[in-house]
Protein backbone atom coordinates (compact mmCIF):
# COMPACT_ATOMS: atom_id res chain seq x y z
CA MET A 1 89.30 77.68 85.96
CA ASN A 2 91.26 75.44 88.42
CA ILE A 3 94.12 78.04 88.25
CA LYS A 4 91.65 80.92 89.03
CA MET A 5 90.07 78.99 91.83
CA LEU A 6 93.39 78.14 93.34
CA LYS A 7 94.25 81.89 93.21
CA GLN A 8 90.96 82.91 94.88
CA ASN A 9 91.47 80.27 97.64
CA ALA A 10 94.97 81.34 98.11
CA ARG A 11 93.78 84.89 98.72
CA GLU A 12 90.93 83.82 101.05
CA TYR A 13 92.44 81.11 103.12
CA GLY A 14 96.22 81.92 102.94
CA MET A 15 96.02 83.64 106.24
CA TYR A 16 95.14 80.26 108.01
CA ILE A 17 98.25 78.76 106.57
CA ALA A 18 100.28 81.81 107.65
CA LEU A 19 98.85 81.51 111.15
CA LEU A 20 99.80 77.81 111.39
CA VAL A 21 103.26 78.68 110.12
CA ILE A 22 103.74 81.47 112.73
CA MET A 23 102.47 79.40 115.60
CA VAL A 24 104.59 76.46 114.66
CA LEU A 25 107.72 78.74 114.35
CA PHE A 26 107.15 80.41 117.65
CA THR A 27 106.40 77.10 119.42
CA ILE A 28 109.75 75.80 118.28
CA LEU A 29 111.77 78.91 119.05
CA SER A 30 110.19 79.24 122.52
CA GLY A 31 110.66 75.67 123.39
CA GLY A 32 106.84 74.94 123.40
CA VAL A 33 105.85 77.85 125.54
CA PHE A 34 103.94 79.68 122.74
CA MET A 35 101.51 76.83 122.37
CA SER A 36 101.02 76.12 126.02
CA PRO A 37 97.34 76.47 127.13
CA ARG A 38 97.99 79.44 129.36
CA ASN A 39 99.78 81.48 126.76
CA LEU A 40 97.21 80.75 124.17
CA SER A 41 94.38 81.84 126.62
CA ASN A 42 96.37 85.12 127.22
CA LEU A 43 96.86 85.56 123.47
CA PHE A 44 93.13 85.23 122.65
CA ASP A 45 92.23 87.64 125.68
CA GLN A 46 94.73 90.16 124.33
CA THR A 47 93.24 89.91 120.85
CA GLY A 48 89.65 90.49 122.09
CA TYR A 49 89.25 94.18 121.95
CA VAL A 50 91.21 94.57 118.84
CA ALA A 51 89.10 91.81 117.12
CA VAL A 52 86.00 93.70 118.07
CA LEU A 53 87.36 96.82 116.48
CA ALA A 54 88.61 95.03 113.41
CA VAL A 55 85.15 93.74 112.70
CA GLY A 56 83.65 97.14 112.58
CA MET A 57 86.73 98.36 110.58
CA THR A 58 86.11 95.54 108.03
CA LEU A 59 82.74 97.18 107.04
CA ILE A 60 84.41 100.76 106.88
CA LEU A 61 87.25 99.48 104.63
CA ILE A 62 84.74 97.58 102.38
CA ILE A 63 82.83 100.76 101.56
CA ARG A 64 86.22 102.48 100.83
CA HIS A 65 86.50 104.62 103.91
CA ILE A 66 88.60 104.69 106.97
CA ASP A 67 88.11 105.63 110.67
CA LEU A 68 91.29 106.68 112.54
CA SER A 69 89.31 107.66 115.67
CA VAL A 70 88.27 104.35 116.96
CA GLY A 71 91.14 103.97 119.31
CA PHE A 72 90.46 107.02 121.34
CA VAL A 73 86.71 106.69 121.00
CA ALA A 74 87.16 103.24 122.62
CA GLY A 75 89.44 104.70 125.25
CA PHE A 76 87.13 107.64 125.91
CA ILE A 77 84.11 105.51 126.20
CA GLY A 78 85.89 103.08 128.38
CA ALA A 79 86.65 105.95 130.62
CA ILE A 80 83.04 106.98 130.74
CA ALA A 81 82.09 103.32 131.81
CA ALA A 82 84.77 103.57 134.55
CA VAL A 83 83.33 106.91 135.83
CA LEU A 84 79.93 105.42 135.93
CA MET A 85 81.24 102.30 137.63
CA ARG A 86 82.87 104.59 140.26
CA MET A 87 79.51 106.31 141.08
CA GLY A 88 78.53 103.00 142.56
CA ASN A 89 74.73 103.40 142.11
CA VAL A 90 74.41 102.93 138.28
CA PRO A 91 73.35 99.60 137.38
CA LEU A 92 75.71 97.57 135.26
CA VAL A 93 73.23 97.24 132.36
CA PHE A 94 72.75 101.00 132.26
CA VAL A 95 76.53 101.46 131.96
CA PHE A 96 76.55 99.22 128.91
CA ILE A 97 73.44 100.91 127.37
CA ILE A 98 75.04 104.35 127.93
CA ALA A 99 78.35 103.42 126.63
CA ILE A 100 76.93 101.80 123.35
CA ALA A 101 74.52 104.73 122.97
CA VAL A 102 77.47 107.24 123.11
CA GLY A 103 79.34 105.18 120.57
CA ILE A 104 76.29 105.04 118.23
CA VAL A 105 75.87 108.93 118.49
CA ILE A 106 79.55 109.44 117.72
CA GLY A 107 79.28 107.15 114.73
CA LEU A 108 76.17 108.92 113.29
CA TYR A 109 78.05 112.12 113.71
CA HIS A 110 81.07 110.77 111.68
CA GLY A 111 78.64 109.22 109.07
CA TRP A 112 76.63 112.52 108.76
CA LEU A 113 79.84 114.56 108.02
CA VAL A 114 81.08 111.94 105.42
CA ALA A 115 77.76 111.07 103.67
CA PHE A 116 75.83 114.32 103.80
CA MET A 117 78.43 117.02 104.18
CA GLY A 118 80.98 115.47 101.93
CA VAL A 119 83.82 115.68 104.36
CA PRO A 120 86.63 112.97 103.64
CA ALA A 121 86.45 110.21 106.10
CA PHE A 122 90.18 110.64 106.70
CA VAL A 123 89.79 114.13 107.85
CA VAL A 124 86.66 113.56 109.91
CA SER A 125 88.20 110.59 111.88
CA LEU A 126 91.58 112.35 112.21
CA ALA A 127 89.74 115.35 113.78
CA SER A 128 87.75 112.98 116.09
CA MET A 129 90.93 111.30 117.09
CA PHE A 130 92.29 114.57 118.43
CA ILE A 131 88.93 115.49 119.98
CA PHE A 132 88.51 112.23 121.88
CA ARG A 133 92.03 111.96 122.89
CA GLY A 134 91.47 115.33 124.53
CA ALA A 135 88.20 114.22 126.01
CA LEU A 136 89.99 111.09 127.46
CA LEU A 137 92.65 113.21 129.08
CA ARG A 138 89.97 115.48 130.61
CA LEU A 139 88.13 112.53 132.15
CA THR A 140 91.41 110.98 133.65
CA GLU A 141 93.43 114.14 134.39
CA GLY A 142 92.47 114.14 138.15
CA SER A 143 94.16 110.81 139.02
CA GLY A 144 95.54 109.69 135.68
CA THR A 145 93.78 106.36 136.39
CA ILE A 146 90.22 105.59 137.14
CA ILE A 147 90.09 102.25 139.20
CA VAL A 148 87.05 99.89 138.57
CA THR A 149 86.24 97.59 141.39
CA ASN A 150 83.05 96.21 140.09
CA LYS A 151 83.87 92.44 139.83
CA PHE A 152 81.09 91.55 137.39
CA PHE A 153 82.35 94.36 135.05
CA ASN A 154 86.00 93.27 135.40
CA ALA A 155 85.04 89.66 134.70
CA LEU A 156 84.30 90.63 131.12
CA GLY A 157 88.00 91.22 130.63
CA ASN A 158 89.49 88.60 133.05
CA GLY A 159 86.84 86.03 133.85
CA PHE A 160 86.12 82.66 132.27
CA ILE A 161 82.84 80.80 131.66
CA PRO A 162 81.97 78.30 134.36
CA ASP A 163 82.07 74.50 133.57
CA ILE A 164 79.03 72.32 133.69
CA PHE A 165 81.00 69.32 134.77
CA ASN A 166 83.48 68.83 137.48
CA ILE A 167 86.26 67.05 135.79
CA SER A 168 89.79 67.89 137.08
CA GLY A 169 92.05 69.32 134.55
CA THR A 170 89.76 69.70 131.70
CA HIS A 171 87.11 72.28 130.95
CA VAL A 172 84.42 70.22 129.31
CA LEU A 173 82.15 73.05 128.33
CA THR A 174 84.92 74.52 126.29
CA LEU A 175 85.32 71.16 124.34
CA ILE A 176 81.56 71.09 123.70
CA ILE A 177 81.55 74.70 122.39
CA GLY A 178 84.53 73.79 120.16
CA VAL A 179 82.57 70.83 118.61
CA VAL A 180 79.46 72.89 118.07
CA ALA A 181 81.52 75.60 116.48
CA ILE A 182 82.99 72.96 114.06
CA ILE A 183 79.56 71.64 113.18
CA ALA A 184 78.07 75.15 112.65
CA PHE A 185 81.20 75.95 110.49
CA ILE A 186 80.78 72.89 108.36
CA ILE A 187 77.02 73.44 107.93
CA ASN A 188 77.53 77.10 107.03
CA GLU A 189 80.26 76.26 104.42
CA ILE A 190 78.06 73.55 102.91
CA ARG A 191 75.12 75.88 102.68
CA THR A 192 77.27 78.63 101.10
CA ARG A 193 78.66 76.25 98.57
CA GLU A 194 75.25 74.95 97.53
CA LYS A 195 74.01 78.61 97.21
CA ARG A 196 76.88 79.46 95.04
CA LYS A 197 76.28 76.48 92.82
CA LYS A 198 72.54 77.25 92.62
CA TYR A 199 73.25 80.66 91.12
CA ASN A 200 76.12 79.29 88.80
CA PHE A 201 78.86 81.01 90.74
CA GLU A 202 82.39 79.40 90.69
CA THR A 203 83.12 77.08 93.56
CA SER A 204 86.28 75.37 94.61
CA THR A 205 86.93 71.71 93.61
CA LEU A 206 85.52 69.09 95.89
CA ASP A 207 88.94 68.13 97.19
CA MET A 208 90.07 71.65 97.98
CA PHE A 209 86.62 72.21 99.69
CA ILE A 210 86.97 69.04 101.93
CA GLY A 211 90.71 69.99 102.59
CA LYS A 212 89.50 73.38 103.80
CA LEU A 213 86.78 71.89 106.16
CA VAL A 214 89.30 69.38 107.64
CA PHE A 215 92.05 71.95 108.07
CA ILE A 216 89.97 74.68 109.88
CA SER A 217 88.09 72.12 111.91
CA LEU A 218 91.24 70.66 113.38
CA LEU A 219 92.46 74.20 114.03
CA ILE A 220 89.30 74.97 115.98
CA LEU A 221 89.48 71.63 117.80
CA PHE A 222 93.15 72.23 118.72
CA PHE A 223 92.55 75.64 120.14
CA ALA A 224 89.46 74.33 122.12
CA TRP A 225 91.49 71.46 123.53
CA GLN A 226 94.24 73.73 124.55
CA LEU A 227 92.03 76.20 126.21
CA ALA A 228 90.14 73.38 128.02
CA GLN A 229 93.53 72.44 129.62
CA TYR A 230 93.72 75.79 131.27
CA ARG A 231 90.69 77.69 132.44
CA GLY A 232 88.37 77.25 129.41
CA ILE A 233 87.01 80.15 127.28
CA SER A 234 87.08 83.55 128.66
CA TRP A 235 83.99 85.95 128.55
CA THR A 236 86.13 88.13 126.18
CA VAL A 237 86.33 85.27 123.68
CA VAL A 238 82.59 84.56 124.11
CA ILE A 239 81.83 88.19 123.18
CA VAL A 240 84.07 88.16 120.23
CA ILE A 241 82.49 84.95 118.98
CA VAL A 242 79.00 86.36 119.27
CA ILE A 243 80.02 89.50 117.51
CA VAL A 244 81.67 87.60 114.72
CA ALA A 245 78.73 85.41 114.30
CA ILE A 246 76.17 88.32 114.17
CA TYR A 247 78.20 90.29 111.69
CA HIS A 248 79.02 87.16 109.49
CA PHE A 249 75.40 86.40 109.27
CA PHE A 250 74.53 90.04 108.61
CA MET A 251 77.08 90.46 105.80
CA ASN A 252 76.12 87.31 103.99
CA ASN A 253 72.44 86.84 104.47
CA THR A 254 70.88 90.30 104.64
CA VAL A 255 69.95 92.94 102.00
CA LEU A 256 71.84 95.64 103.90
CA GLY A 257 74.95 93.37 103.94
CA ARG A 258 74.86 92.92 100.22
CA HIS A 259 74.30 96.72 99.76
CA ILE A 260 77.50 97.28 101.80
CA TYR A 261 79.44 95.04 99.42
CA ALA A 262 77.86 96.75 96.36
CA ILE A 263 78.90 100.22 97.59
CA GLY A 264 82.40 99.05 98.04
CA GLY A 265 82.46 97.59 94.59
CA ASN A 266 81.18 100.62 92.77
CA PRO A 267 79.50 103.40 94.84
CA GLU A 268 78.33 105.24 91.70
CA ALA A 269 76.69 102.12 90.24
CA ALA A 270 75.15 101.34 93.67
CA GLU A 271 73.58 104.79 93.77
CA LEU A 272 72.12 104.38 90.38
CA SER A 273 70.74 100.95 91.17
CA GLY A 274 68.62 102.48 94.00
CA ILE A 275 70.85 101.76 96.99
CA LYS A 276 70.72 104.49 99.61
CA VAL A 277 74.39 105.00 99.78
CA LYS A 278 74.30 107.89 102.27
CA ALA A 279 72.08 105.94 104.69
CA VAL A 280 74.19 102.79 104.53
CA THR A 281 77.42 104.87 105.04
CA MET A 282 75.90 106.39 108.26
CA PHE A 283 74.97 102.83 109.37
CA VAL A 284 78.42 101.50 108.85
CA PHE A 285 80.03 104.53 110.86
CA ALA A 286 77.51 104.01 113.58
CA SER A 287 78.31 100.29 113.75
CA MET A 288 81.96 101.06 113.89
CA SER A 289 81.64 103.46 116.76
CA ALA A 290 79.19 101.00 118.67
CA LEU A 291 81.91 98.38 118.41
CA ALA A 292 84.55 100.76 119.60
CA ALA A 293 82.48 101.38 122.57
CA LEU A 294 82.35 97.64 123.32
CA ALA A 295 86.06 97.44 122.77
CA GLY A 296 86.66 100.19 125.16
CA ILE A 297 84.56 98.33 127.82
CA LEU A 298 86.46 95.13 127.27
CA TYR A 299 89.83 97.01 127.43
CA THR A 300 88.80 98.81 130.57
CA ALA A 301 87.52 95.55 132.21
CA ARG A 302 90.85 93.79 131.37
CA LEU A 303 92.86 96.50 132.91
CA GLN A 304 90.26 97.00 135.67
CA SER A 305 90.86 100.73 135.14
CA ALA A 306 90.65 103.64 132.61
CA THR A 307 94.04 105.25 131.80
CA THR A 308 95.21 108.34 129.92
CA THR A 309 96.75 106.08 127.28
CA ALA A 310 93.85 103.76 126.67
CA GLY A 311 93.13 103.39 122.99
CA ASN A 312 96.56 104.60 121.77
CA GLY A 313 97.34 102.74 118.43
CA PHE A 314 94.15 100.51 118.60
CA GLU A 315 93.03 101.95 115.21
CA LEU A 316 96.33 100.86 113.56
CA ASP A 317 95.97 97.34 114.89
CA ALA A 318 92.39 97.16 113.71
CA ILE A 319 93.20 98.30 110.23
CA ALA A 320 96.22 95.99 109.91
CA SER A 321 94.09 92.97 111.23
CA ALA A 322 91.47 93.72 108.48
CA TYR A 323 93.98 93.93 105.65
CA VAL A 324 95.98 90.90 106.79
CA GLY A 325 92.67 89.09 107.01
CA GLY A 326 91.75 89.60 103.40
CA VAL A 327 90.01 92.92 103.17
CA SER A 328 90.88 94.42 99.77
CA ALA A 329 92.67 97.68 99.57
CA SER A 330 90.33 98.56 96.70
CA GLY A 331 87.19 97.98 98.74
CA GLY A 332 84.21 95.76 98.11
CA VAL A 333 85.85 92.62 99.38
CA GLY A 334 86.39 91.26 102.82
CA LYS A 335 84.94 88.90 105.50
CA VAL A 336 84.67 89.37 109.28
CA THR A 337 85.83 85.76 109.85
CA GLY A 338 88.96 86.52 107.73
CA THR A 339 89.57 89.77 109.85
CA ILE A 340 89.55 87.80 113.06
CA ILE A 341 92.19 85.36 111.68
CA GLY A 342 94.09 88.52 110.73
CA ALA A 343 93.83 89.87 114.24
CA ILE A 344 95.08 86.58 115.66
CA VAL A 345 98.00 86.63 113.18
CA MET A 346 99.08 90.08 114.31
CA SER A 347 98.66 89.32 117.98
CA SER A 348 100.60 86.00 117.47
CA LEU A 349 103.39 87.98 116.06
CA SER A 350 103.60 90.35 119.01
CA ASN A 351 103.06 87.60 121.55
CA GLY A 352 105.68 85.29 120.05
CA MET A 353 108.25 88.16 119.69
CA ASN A 354 107.72 89.05 123.30
CA LEU A 355 108.36 85.46 124.40
CA LEU A 356 111.60 85.56 122.52
CA GLY A 357 112.69 88.85 123.87
CA VAL A 358 112.71 90.65 120.63
CA GLY A 359 112.85 94.52 121.05
CA ILE A 360 109.87 96.59 120.49
CA SER A 361 111.56 98.41 117.57
CA TYR A 362 111.99 95.20 115.68
CA GLN A 363 108.38 94.11 116.51
CA TYR A 364 107.05 97.24 114.81
CA ILE A 365 109.23 96.58 111.73
CA VAL A 366 108.04 92.94 111.39
CA ARG A 367 104.42 93.83 111.77
CA GLY A 368 104.71 96.55 109.25
CA LEU A 369 106.32 94.21 106.71
CA VAL A 370 103.60 91.68 107.32
CA LEU A 371 101.06 94.31 106.54
CA VAL A 372 102.90 95.45 103.35
CA ILE A 373 103.05 91.89 102.18
CA ALA A 374 99.41 91.24 102.79
CA VAL A 375 98.42 94.28 100.85
CA LEU A 376 100.91 93.78 98.06
CA PHE A 377 99.47 90.20 97.71
CA ASP A 378 95.94 91.63 97.29
CA VAL A 379 97.08 94.13 94.71
CA ARG A 380 99.10 91.85 92.69
CA SER A 381 96.34 89.08 92.74
CA ARG A 382 93.86 91.61 91.28
CA ARG A 383 96.38 92.71 88.41
CA VAL A 384 97.10 89.27 87.34
CA LYS A 385 94.90 88.15 84.53
CA ILE A 386 93.87 84.39 84.41
């Protein structure tokens, strides 16, 4: 049992060790620049829109589907938000509501084709990728770029939360949020462990469990301290944290979340057990496109404009982040928290190689190899019998 638990923990928490190794390596090679507060702040901000997409992609992959359209859906809806901002008389809250509503409608359309019409998700999303790429070009063809001047909108991609204390050099509120996050993490892990023991599920040994709590808590504290030395936590990071918290709770504490895992494990058995597979599939696709809309808003706010290339390759980054973060290639397994770590791992690779002046061609090769290794590890771990 100890060997089996060791293997399960290696699969689930190996990405934390990988992240630590990557960060230490790039810090050494860059002469400490990689771990500097400013670079880490930029790294997390750059990860924001991909992380939001990756959360939605996690659910899609868990139920054994895929969505290739999310990149240009994000770009298209981001352009819609920019057009509404340019009008000047549309309240910001209505811009958000309209953008998310458009995303939900797109997702329901995808889910309907997949669940009720029987069209493969690959084909549906590939077709939509072309459609929304064309729609994005139509929206931006006049000037090529739609500039957004609304400072509140742009703050979502470039602003930072205000501090409640006036202490020079340290953003105290960021440290407080970091401590609260650690406490919440420890409480959640303890409750999850007790729940698994209650239902006689296998749990890790006490020393492994404590080691995990200490390691991840120190990681959170380190990042919080580094960010506090710059400008604190950005609004982008706040939004990502809220999304992750909502989806983590939803996937682990609701009936619908358990149904999603059940469908990914065995769709036929889930259908026979009374789960409404088609309805759940539509919900997951609607959730994906709604998050794509949010990602589009964050990306547009970060650039302070909508461009013809917005969304290009986002779907590949989201899929890679999910797989690196522990989502199984066979479906039915995955956590949004792991996916976020996967997104940070992939962004860290790009950021670190940029600092070292590595050519873009080699960057793609390295990221591709990391993705292959992650999926290979998942496949081999499932084939090995304990």
